[in-house]
């Protein structure tokens, strides 16, 4: 039993190595991001029935009508945050907890907000098992952010909203970055927004993408 478990872990490590190589070939350049992807066991954040898909560059269902984004998308969004290691990060949409685990490797603190209690509970348990002690998971409306912990150096939105949520922009530190998908349902633009002054923001389109709906007061209605 122990030998088969060791063999499985070794195979997962090899699969992560192949994944990192593919991500590098497709344009991910940040070595810290690639290292975090290699060191973070994505399969742990998936239902066991989907472990065989853990290191393919594809989204995977995690229950409650939600998915874990494809590793290529996750790496691209993480790289766009330009993390140096000292940042306080807000993540909107905990989901499986995988993205939060990557952020834990790259930033000082992470506050992750999830609107679905069962997903928040599952993610928190896995993150705790993995020693991600600088990640805090909170149940709530992520589109409203967390004013009690603001300002944030970085904000990552992991679901597609109709427009940039004003509460999140107000909680972004001057000089800080917000990355997320915004636009119509079914297809969004992945944006990187920098707060250049108290009331001044610049934006850059990274590419086209498709995410599950960002539900909340400053997002899409759940109905």
C-alpha atoms as a PDB file:
ATOM      1  CA  UNK A   1       0.000   0.000   0.000  1.00  0.00           C
ATOM      2  CA  UNK A   2       2.789   2.410   0.954  1.00  0.00           C
ATOM      3  CA  UNK A   3       4.746   1.613  -2.215  1.00  0.00           C
ATOM      4  CA  UNK A   4       1.715   2.269  -4.431  1.00  0.00           C
ATOM      5  CA  UNK A   5       1.117   5.587  -2.666  1.00  0.00           C
ATOM      6  CA  UNK A   6       4.745   6.585  -3.204  1.00  0.00           C
ATOM      7  CA  UNK A   7       4.489   5.634  -6.873  1.00  0.00           C
ATOM      8  CA  UNK A   8       1.350   7.765  -7.254  1.00  0.00           C
ATOM      9  CA  UNK A   9       3.029  10.761  -5.616  1.00  0.00           C
ATOM     10  CA  UNK A  10       6.030  10.355  -7.899  1.00  0.00           C
ATOM     11  CA  UNK A  11       3.770  10.234 -10.951  1.00  0.00           C
ATOM     12  CA  UNK A  12       1.961  13.378  -9.816  1.00  0.00           C
ATOM     13  CA  UNK A  13       5.320  15.136  -9.392  1.00  0.00           C
ATOM     14  CA  UNK A  14       6.337  14.125 -12.911  1.00  0.00           C
ATOM     15  CA  UNK A  15       2.973  15.339 -14.227  1.00  0.00           C
ATOM     16  CA  UNK A  16       3.525  18.710 -12.527  1.00  0.00           C
ATOM     17  CA  UNK A  17       6.965  18.905 -14.106  1.00  0.00           C
ATOM     18  CA  UNK A  18       5.446  18.325 -17.556  1.00  0.00           C
ATOM     19  CA  UNK A  19       2.749  20.900 -16.825  1.00  0.00           C
ATOM     20  CA  UNK A  20       5.298  23.524 -15.825  1.00  0.00           C
ATOM     21  CA  UNK A  21       7.243  22.861 -18.999  1.00  0.00           C
ATOM     22  CA  UNK A  22       4.069  23.382 -21.087  1.00  0.00           C
ATOM     23  CA  UNK A  23       3.224  26.590 -19.251  1.00  0.00           C
ATOM     24  CA  UNK A  24       6.728  27.905 -19.851  1.00  0.00           C
ATOM     25  CA  UNK A  25       6.493  27.064 -23.548  1.00  0.00           C
ATOM     26  CA  UNK A  26       3.170  28.915 -23.731  1.00  0.00           C
ATOM     27  CA  UNK A  27       4.600  32.126 -22.336  1.00  0.00           C
ATOM     28  CA  UNK A  28       4.597  32.029 -18.528  1.00  0.00           C
ATOM     29  CA  UNK A  29       7.954  33.563 -17.633  1.00  0.00           C
ATOM     30  CA  UNK A  30       7.827  34.270 -13.897  1.00  0.00           C
ATOM     31  CA  UNK A  31      10.046  31.604 -12.321  1.00  0.00           C
ATOM     32  CA  UNK A  32       8.415  32.072  -8.918  1.00  0.00           C
ATOM     33  CA  UNK A  33       4.999  31.331 -10.413  1.00  0.00           C
ATOM     34  CA  UNK A  34       6.291  28.255 -12.234  1.00  0.00           C
ATOM     35  CA  UNK A  35       7.946  27.029  -9.024  1.00  0.00           C
ATOM     36  CA  UNK A  36       4.686  27.495  -7.098  1.00  0.00           C
ATOM     37  CA  UNK A  37       2.776  25.509  -9.733  1.00  0.00           C
ATOM     38  CA  UNK A  38       5.342  22.709  -9.518  1.00  0.00           C
ATOM     39  CA  UNK A  39       5.297  22.600  -5.722  1.00  0.00           C
ATOM     40  CA  UNK A  40       1.511  22.800  -5.266  1.00  0.00           C
ATOM     41  CA  UNK A  41      -0.332  19.447  -5.602  1.00  0.00           C
ATOM     42  CA  UNK A  42      -3.358  20.483  -7.675  1.00  0.00           C
ATOM     43  CA  UNK A  43      -4.917  17.028  -7.354  1.00  0.00           C
ATOM     44  CA  UNK A  44      -5.440  17.640  -3.636  1.00  0.00           C
ATOM     45  CA  UNK A  45      -7.940  20.363  -4.485  1.00  0.00           C
ATOM     46  CA  UNK A  46     -10.061  18.143  -6.759  1.00  0.00           C
ATOM     47  CA  UNK A  47     -12.593  15.403  -6.057  1.00  0.00           C
ATOM     48  CA  UNK A  48     -10.629  12.139  -6.154  1.00  0.00           C
ATOM     49  CA  UNK A  49     -12.623  10.987  -9.199  1.00  0.00           C
ATOM     50  CA  UNK A  50     -10.905  13.798 -11.180  1.00  0.00           C
ATOM     51  CA  UNK A  51      -7.329  13.276  -9.988  1.00  0.00           C
ATOM     52  CA  UNK A  52      -6.426  11.861 -13.382  1.00  0.00           C
ATOM     53  CA  UNK A  53      -7.166  15.284 -14.910  1.00  0.00           C
ATOM     54  CA  UNK A  54      -5.312  17.276 -12.256  1.00  0.00           C
ATOM     55  CA  UNK A  55      -2.272  18.175 -14.371  1.00  0.00           C
ATOM     56  CA  UNK A  56      -3.928  18.624 -17.728  1.00  0.00           C
ATOM     57  CA  UNK A  57      -4.333  22.230 -18.806  1.00  0.00           C
ATOM     58  CA  UNK A  58      -8.086  22.153 -18.505  1.00  0.00           C
ATOM     59  CA  UNK A  59     -10.779  23.311 -16.058  1.00  0.00           C
ATOM     60  CA  UNK A  60     -12.293  20.656 -13.807  1.00  0.00           C
ATOM     61  CA  UNK A  61     -15.653  20.645 -11.957  1.00  0.00           C
ATOM     62  CA  UNK A  62     -15.416  20.872  -8.167  1.00  0.00           C
ATOM     63  CA  UNK A  63     -19.124  20.708  -7.309  1.00  0.00           C
ATOM     64  CA  UNK A  64     -21.816  23.296  -6.566  1.00  0.00           C
ATOM     65  CA  UNK A  65     -21.787  24.313 -10.243  1.00  0.00           C
ATOM     66  CA  UNK A  66     -18.218  25.634  -9.949  1.00  0.00           C
ATOM     67  CA  UNK A  67     -14.914  24.724 -11.598  1.00  0.00           C
ATOM     68  CA  UNK A  68     -11.213  24.982 -10.897  1.00  0.00           C
ATOM     69  CA  UNK A  69      -9.695  27.013 -13.729  1.00  0.00           C
ATOM     70  CA  UNK A  70      -7.192  25.517 -16.150  1.00  0.00           C
ATOM     71  CA  UNK A  71      -3.606  25.760 -14.847  1.00  0.00           C
ATOM     72  CA  UNK A  72      -2.614  27.955 -17.787  1.00  0.00           C
ATOM     73  CA  UNK A  73      -5.262  30.505 -16.873  1.00  0.00           C
ATOM     74  CA  UNK A  74      -4.341  30.358 -13.198  1.00  0.00           C
ATOM     75  CA  UNK A  75      -0.647  30.860 -13.980  1.00  0.00           C
ATOM     76  CA  UNK A  76      -1.351  33.750 -16.354  1.00  0.00           C
ATOM     77  CA  UNK A  77      -3.524  35.538 -13.798  1.00  0.00           C
ATOM     78  CA  UNK A  78      -1.025  34.915 -11.019  1.00  0.00           C
ATOM     79  CA  UNK A  79       1.845  36.203 -13.145  1.00  0.00           C
ATOM     80  CA  UNK A  80      -0.167  39.337 -13.983  1.00  0.00           C
ATOM     81  CA  UNK A  81      -0.271  40.209 -10.269  1.00  0.00           C
ATOM     82  CA  UNK A  82       3.525  40.798 -10.343  1.00  0.00           C
ATOM     83  CA  UNK A  83       3.978  39.537  -6.791  1.00  0.00           C
ATOM     84  CA  UNK A  84       7.275  40.172  -5.024  1.00  0.00           C
ATOM     85  CA  UNK A  85       6.455  38.445  -1.725  1.00  0.00           C
ATOM     86  CA  UNK A  86       5.464  41.304   0.600  1.00  0.00           C
ATOM     87  CA  UNK A  87       1.922  41.907  -0.664  1.00  0.00           C
ATOM     88  CA  UNK A  88      -1.408  41.663   1.120  1.00  0.00           C
ATOM     89  CA  UNK A  89      -3.727  39.929  -1.359  1.00  0.00           C
ATOM     90  CA  UNK A  90      -7.507  39.694  -1.579  1.00  0.00           C
ATOM     91  CA  UNK A  91      -8.886  36.805  -3.613  1.00  0.00           C
ATOM     92  CA  UNK A  92     -12.520  36.931  -4.694  1.00  0.00           C
ATOM     93  CA  UNK A  93     -13.795  33.391  -5.243  1.00  0.00           C
ATOM     94  CA  UNK A  94     -11.942  30.759  -3.205  1.00  0.00           C
ATOM     95  CA  UNK A  95     -13.445  27.815  -5.084  1.00  0.00           C
ATOM     96  CA  UNK A  96     -11.258  24.764  -4.478  1.00  0.00           C
ATOM     97  CA  UNK A  97      -8.530  26.747  -2.708  1.00  0.00           C
ATOM     98  CA  UNK A  98      -5.860  25.964  -5.324  1.00  0.00           C
ATOM     99  CA  UNK A  99      -5.343  29.575  -6.384  1.00  0.00           C
ATOM    100  CA  UNK A 100      -5.090  30.620  -2.732  1.00  0.00           C
ATOM    101  CA  UNK A 101      -2.395  27.996  -2.171  1.00  0.00           C
ATOM    102  CA  UNK A 102      -0.356  29.424  -5.053  1.00  0.00           C
ATOM    103  CA  UNK A 103      -0.787  32.942  -3.678  1.00  0.00           C
ATOM    104  CA  UNK A 104       0.367  31.717  -0.265  1.00  0.00           C
ATOM    105  CA  UNK A 105       3.679  30.753  -1.884  1.00  0.00           C
ATOM    106  CA  UNK A 106       4.094  34.165  -3.494  1.00  0.00           C
ATOM    107  CA  UNK A 107       2.683  36.821  -1.143  1.00  0.00           C
ATOM    108  CA  UNK A 108       2.732  37.778   2.531  1.00  0.00           C
ATOM    109  CA  UNK A 109      -0.952  37.277   3.375  1.00  0.00           C
ATOM    110  CA  UNK A 110      -4.055  36.129   1.516  1.00  0.00           C
ATOM    111  CA  UNK A 111      -7.691  36.781   2.390  1.00  0.00           C
ATOM    112  CA  UNK A 112      -9.966  34.677   0.201  1.00  0.00           C
ATOM    113  CA  UNK A 113     -13.741  35.192   0.042  1.00  0.00           C
ATOM    114  CA  UNK A 114     -16.136  32.448  -1.089  1.00  0.00           C
ATOM    115  CA  UNK A 115     -19.906  32.830  -1.316  1.00  0.00           C
ATOM    116  CA  UNK A 116     -20.696  29.072  -1.136  1.00  0.00           C
ATOM    117  CA  UNK A 117     -20.185  27.859   2.446  1.00  0.00           C
ATOM    118  CA  UNK A 118     -19.494  24.203   1.601  1.00  0.00           C
ATOM    119  CA  UNK A 119     -16.713  25.161  -0.825  1.00  0.00           C
ATOM    120  CA  UNK A 120     -15.227  27.577   1.696  1.00  0.00           C
ATOM    121  CA  UNK A 121     -15.211  24.871   4.351  1.00  0.00           C
ATOM    122  CA  UNK A 122     -13.598  22.305   2.052  1.00  0.00           C
ATOM    123  CA  UNK A 123     -10.965  24.744   0.809  1.00  0.00           C
ATOM    124  CA  UNK A 124     -10.127  25.908   4.314  1.00  0.00           C
ATOM    125  CA  UNK A 125      -9.619  22.302   5.457  1.00  0.00           C
ATOM    126  CA  UNK A 126      -7.275  21.451   2.570  1.00  0.00           C
ATOM    127  CA  UNK A 127      -5.324  24.683   2.917  1.00  0.00           C
ATOM    128  CA  UNK A 128      -4.889  23.980   6.625  1.00  0.00           C
ATOM    129  CA  UNK A 129      -3.686  20.433   5.924  1.00  0.00           C
ATOM    130  CA  UNK A 130      -1.116  21.863   3.515  1.00  0.00           C
ATOM    131  CA  UNK A 131       0.202  24.362   6.027  1.00  0.00           C
ATOM    132  CA  UNK A 132      -1.067  27.478   4.257  1.00  0.00           C
ATOM    133  CA  UNK A 133      -1.299  29.366   7.537  1.00  0.00           C
ATOM    134  CA  UNK A 134      -1.180  32.820   5.947  1.00  0.00           C
ATOM    135  CA  UNK A 135      -4.423  32.204   4.026  1.00  0.00           C
ATOM    136  CA  UNK A 136      -7.694  33.157   5.673  1.00  0.00           C
ATOM    137  CA  UNK A 137     -10.979  32.027   4.113  1.00  0.00           C
ATOM    138  CA  UNK A 138     -14.149  34.030   4.676  1.00  0.00           C
ATOM    139  CA  UNK A 139     -17.734  33.285   3.586  1.00  0.00           C
ATOM    140  CA  UNK A 140     -19.452  36.266   2.003  1.00  0.00           C
ATOM    141  CA  UNK A 141     -20.112  38.421  -1.041  1.00  0.00           C
ATOM    142  CA  UNK A 142     -16.694  38.812  -2.608  1.00  0.00           C
ATOM    143  CA  UNK A 143     -17.858  41.667  -4.837  1.00  0.00           C
ATOM    144  CA  UNK A 144     -18.010  43.782  -1.667  1.00  0.00           C
ATOM    145  CA  UNK A 145     -14.444  42.922  -0.749  1.00  0.00           C
ATOM    146  CA  UNK A 146     -13.294  43.192   2.862  1.00  0.00           C
ATOM    147  CA  UNK A 147     -13.221  46.833   3.919  1.00  0.00           C
ATOM    148  CA  UNK A 148     -12.120  45.863   7.428  1.00  0.00           C
ATOM    149  CA  UNK A 149      -8.822  44.520   6.037  1.00  0.00           C
ATOM    150  CA  UNK A 150      -8.230  47.054   3.252  1.00  0.00           C
ATOM    151  CA  UNK A 151      -6.247  48.406   1.545  1.00  0.00           C
ATOM    152  CA  UNK A 152      -4.941  45.473  -0.475  1.00  0.00           C
ATOM    153  CA  UNK A 153      -1.792  45.535  -2.576  1.00  0.00           C
ATOM    154  CA  UNK A 154      -3.295  43.013  -4.975  1.00  0.00           C
ATOM    155  CA  UNK A 155      -6.854  41.846  -5.701  1.00  0.00           C
ATOM    156  CA  UNK A 156      -7.551  38.756  -7.788  1.00  0.00           C
ATOM    157  CA  UNK A 157     -11.079  38.102  -9.051  1.00  0.00           C
ATOM    158  CA  UNK A 158     -11.577  34.489 -10.154  1.00  0.00           C
ATOM    159  CA  UNK A 159     -15.086  34.705 -11.640  1.00  0.00           C
ATOM    160  CA  UNK A 160     -16.490  36.729 -14.529  1.00  0.00           C
ATOM    161  CA  UNK A 161     -18.315  39.932 -13.624  1.00  0.00           C
ATOM    162  CA  UNK A 162     -20.257  42.381 -15.817  1.00  0.00           C
ATOM    163  CA  UNK A 163     -17.958  45.250 -14.810  1.00  0.00           C
ATOM    164  CA  UNK A 164     -15.258  46.169 -12.338  1.00  0.00           C
ATOM    165  CA  UNK A 165     -16.812  46.150  -8.838  1.00  0.00           C
ATOM    166  CA  UNK A 166     -16.468  49.630  -7.344  1.00  0.00           C
ATOM    167  CA  UNK A 167     -16.027  48.329  -3.768  1.00  0.00           C
ATOM    168  CA  UNK A 168     -12.961  46.371  -4.880  1.00  0.00           C
ATOM    169  CA  UNK A 169     -11.454  49.368  -6.653  1.00  0.00           C
ATOM    170  CA  UNK A 170     -11.933  51.461  -3.513  1.00  0.00           C
ATOM    171  CA  UNK A 171     -10.086  48.840  -1.436  1.00  0.00           C
ATOM    172  CA  UNK A 172      -7.068  48.690  -3.748  1.00  0.00           C
ATOM    173  CA  UNK A 173      -3.950  50.416  -2.423  1.00  0.00           C
ATOM    174  CA  UNK A 174      -2.470  53.210  -4.506  1.00  0.00           C
ATOM    175  CA  UNK A 175      -0.001  51.540  -6.844  1.00  0.00           C
ATOM    176  CA  UNK A 176      -1.824  48.229  -6.352  1.00  0.00           C
ATOM    177  CA  UNK A 177      -3.074  45.857  -9.036  1.00  0.00           C
ATOM    178  CA  UNK A 178      -6.418  44.158  -9.623  1.00  0.00           C
ATOM    179  CA  UNK A 179      -6.641  41.252 -12.064  1.00  0.00           C
ATOM    180  CA  UNK A 180      -9.896  39.636 -13.165  1.00  0.00           C
ATOM    181  CA  UNK A 181     -12.322  38.788 -15.987  1.00  0.00           C
ATOM    182  CA  UNK A 182     -15.068  41.258 -16.872  1.00  0.00           C
ATOM    183  CA  UNK A 183     -17.608  41.554 -19.658  1.00  0.00           C
ATOM    184  CA  UNK A 184     -20.676  39.735 -20.868  1.00  0.00           C
ATOM    185  CA  UNK A 185     -21.688  36.289 -19.676  1.00  0.00           C
ATOM    186  CA  UNK A 186     -19.901  33.528 -21.549  1.00  0.00           C
ATOM    187  CA  UNK A 187     -16.929  35.645 -22.642  1.00  0.00           C
ATOM    188  CA  UNK A 188     -14.916  38.270 -20.818  1.00  0.00           C
ATOM    189  CA  UNK A 189     -11.761  40.325 -21.109  1.00  0.00           C
ATOM    190  CA  UNK A 190      -9.057  39.480 -18.609  1.00  0.00           C
ATOM    191  CA  UNK A 191      -8.047  42.883 -17.241  1.00  0.00           C
ATOM    192  CA  UNK A 192      -5.157  44.169 -15.178  1.00  0.00           C
ATOM    193  CA  UNK A 193      -6.072  47.409 -13.450  1.00  0.00           C
ATOM    194  CA  UNK A 194      -3.640  49.601 -11.531  1.00  0.00           C
ATOM    195  CA  UNK A 195      -4.643  52.281  -9.074  1.00  0.00           C
ATOM    196  CA  UNK A 196      -2.446  55.192 -10.107  1.00  0.00           C
ATOM    197  CA  UNK A 197      -4.005  57.728  -7.707  1.00  0.00           C
ATOM    198  CA  UNK A 198      -6.922  58.263  -5.371  1.00  0.00           C
ATOM    199  CA  UNK A 199      -9.364  58.502  -8.276  1.00  0.00           C
ATOM    200  CA  UNK A 200      -7.159  57.422 -11.187  1.00  0.00           C
ATOM    201  CA  UNK A 201      -6.963  53.916 -12.604  1.00  0.00           C
ATOM    202  CA  UNK A 202      -5.258  52.474 -15.664  1.00  0.00           C
ATOM    203  CA  UNK A 203      -6.296  49.257 -17.340  1.00  0.00           C
ATOM    204  CA  UNK A 204      -4.701  46.714 -19.636  1.00  0.00           C
ATOM    205  CA  UNK A 205      -6.417  43.885 -21.529  1.00  0.00           C
ATOM    206  CA  UNK A 206      -4.458  40.655 -21.115  1.00  0.00           C
ATOM    207  CA  UNK A 207      -6.706  38.531 -23.323  1.00  0.00           C
ATOM    208  CA  UNK A 208     -10.109  36.925 -23.839  1.00  0.00           C
ATOM    209  CA  UNK A 209     -11.431  34.341 -21.402  1.00  0.00           C
ATOM    210  CA  UNK A 210     -14.508  32.553 -20.094  1.00  0.00           C
ATOM    211  CA  UNK A 211     -15.295  32.172 -16.392  1.00  0.00           C
ATOM    212  CA  UNK A 212     -18.244  31.164 -14.247  1.00  0.00           C
ATOM    213  CA  UNK A 213     -20.404  34.089 -13.124  1.00  0.00           C
ATOM    214  CA  UNK A 214     -19.263  36.474 -10.419  1.00  0.00           C
ATOM    215  CA  UNK A 215     -22.344  36.482  -8.207  1.00  0.00           C
ATOM    216  CA  UNK A 216     -22.962  39.316  -5.777  1.00  0.00           C
ATOM    217  CA  UNK A 217     -24.271  42.804  -5.191  1.00  0.00           C
ATOM    218  CA  UNK A 218     -21.623  44.286  -7.526  1.00  0.00           C
ATOM    219  CA  UNK A 219     -21.695  41.315  -9.899  1.00  0.00           C
ATOM    220  CA  UNK A 220     -24.356  39.182 -11.545  1.00  0.00           C
ATOM    221  CA  UNK A 221     -27.599  38.314  -9.794  1.00  0.00           C
ATOM    222  CA  UNK A 222     -27.887  34.717  -8.581  1.00  0.00           C
ATOM    223  CA  UNK A 223     -31.366  34.520 -10.174  1.00  0.00           C
END
